[in-house]
Amino acid sequence: MVTPEISHKAYIWVNIDFDKVKNRINLVSFKIEQVIQKYQFSTKAGDCAKRNN
């Protein structure tokens, strides 16, 4: 005998301001690029990029 599954999912509709989302994504992307450039610069400068794992 198969028992029907009870769905506990709640669907929430949210109004999203896509301009704000886009601006936030651009800001995060810019910060990531800065970190990458800093890392690349430090490795080019002779730093062995030592990490403690």
Protein backbone atom coordinates (compact mmCIF):
# COMPACT_ATOMS: atom_id res chain seq x y z
CA MET A 1 0.00 0.00 0.00
CA VAL A 2 1.39 3.36 -1.05
CA THR A 3 0.90 6.28 1.28
CA PRO A 4 0.84 9.74 -0.29
CA GLU A 5 3.73 12.01 0.64
CA ILE A 6 2.89 15.16 2.53
CA SER A 7 4.71 18.13 1.12
CA HIS A 8 6.28 20.39 3.74
CA LYS A 9 7.69 22.82 1.22
CA ALA A 10 6.73 26.46 1.52
CA TYR A 11 6.93 28.61 -1.55
CA ILE A 12 7.64 32.27 -0.91
CA TRP A 13 7.31 34.82 -3.66
CA VAL A 14 9.70 37.72 -3.23
CA ASN A 15 9.90 40.91 -5.19
CA ILE A 16 13.52 41.31 -6.22
CA ASP A 17 15.06 44.59 -7.25
CA PHE A 18 17.30 43.29 -10.02
CA ASP A 19 19.27 46.53 -10.22
CA LYS A 20 20.30 46.15 -6.58
CA VAL A 21 21.17 42.50 -7.14
CA LYS A 22 23.23 43.39 -10.21
CA ASN A 23 25.06 46.14 -8.32
CA ARG A 24 25.81 43.74 -5.48
CA ILE A 25 27.12 41.08 -7.87
CA ASN A 26 29.31 43.69 -9.56
CA LEU A 27 30.69 44.82 -6.20
CA VAL A 28 31.49 41.27 -5.11
CA SER A 29 33.06 40.51 -8.50
CA PHE A 30 35.21 43.62 -8.21
CA LYS A 31 36.42 42.61 -4.75
CA ILE A 32 37.23 39.09 -5.99
CA GLU A 33 39.24 40.58 -8.87
CA GLN A 34 41.15 42.75 -6.39
CA VAL A 35 42.04 39.73 -4.28
CA ILE A 36 43.15 37.78 -7.36
CA GLN A 37 45.30 40.67 -8.57
CA LYS A 38 46.85 41.05 -5.12
CA TYR A 39 47.59 37.33 -4.98
CA GLN A 40 49.10 37.35 -8.47
CA PHE A 41 51.18 40.40 -7.63
CA SER A 42 52.47 38.84 -4.41
CA THR A 43 53.51 35.66 -6.23
CA LYS A 44 55.25 37.66 -8.98
CA ALA A 45 57.10 39.67 -6.34
CA GLY A 46 58.90 36.54 -5.17
CA ASP A 47 56.60 35.65 -2.32
CA CYS A 48 56.16 31.88 -2.18
CA ALA A 49 52.53 32.29 -1.07
CA LYS A 50 53.03 30.13 1.99
CA ARG A 51 49.89 28.64 3.46
CA ASN A 52 49.30 26.90 6.73
CA ASN A 53 46.85 24.10 6.17
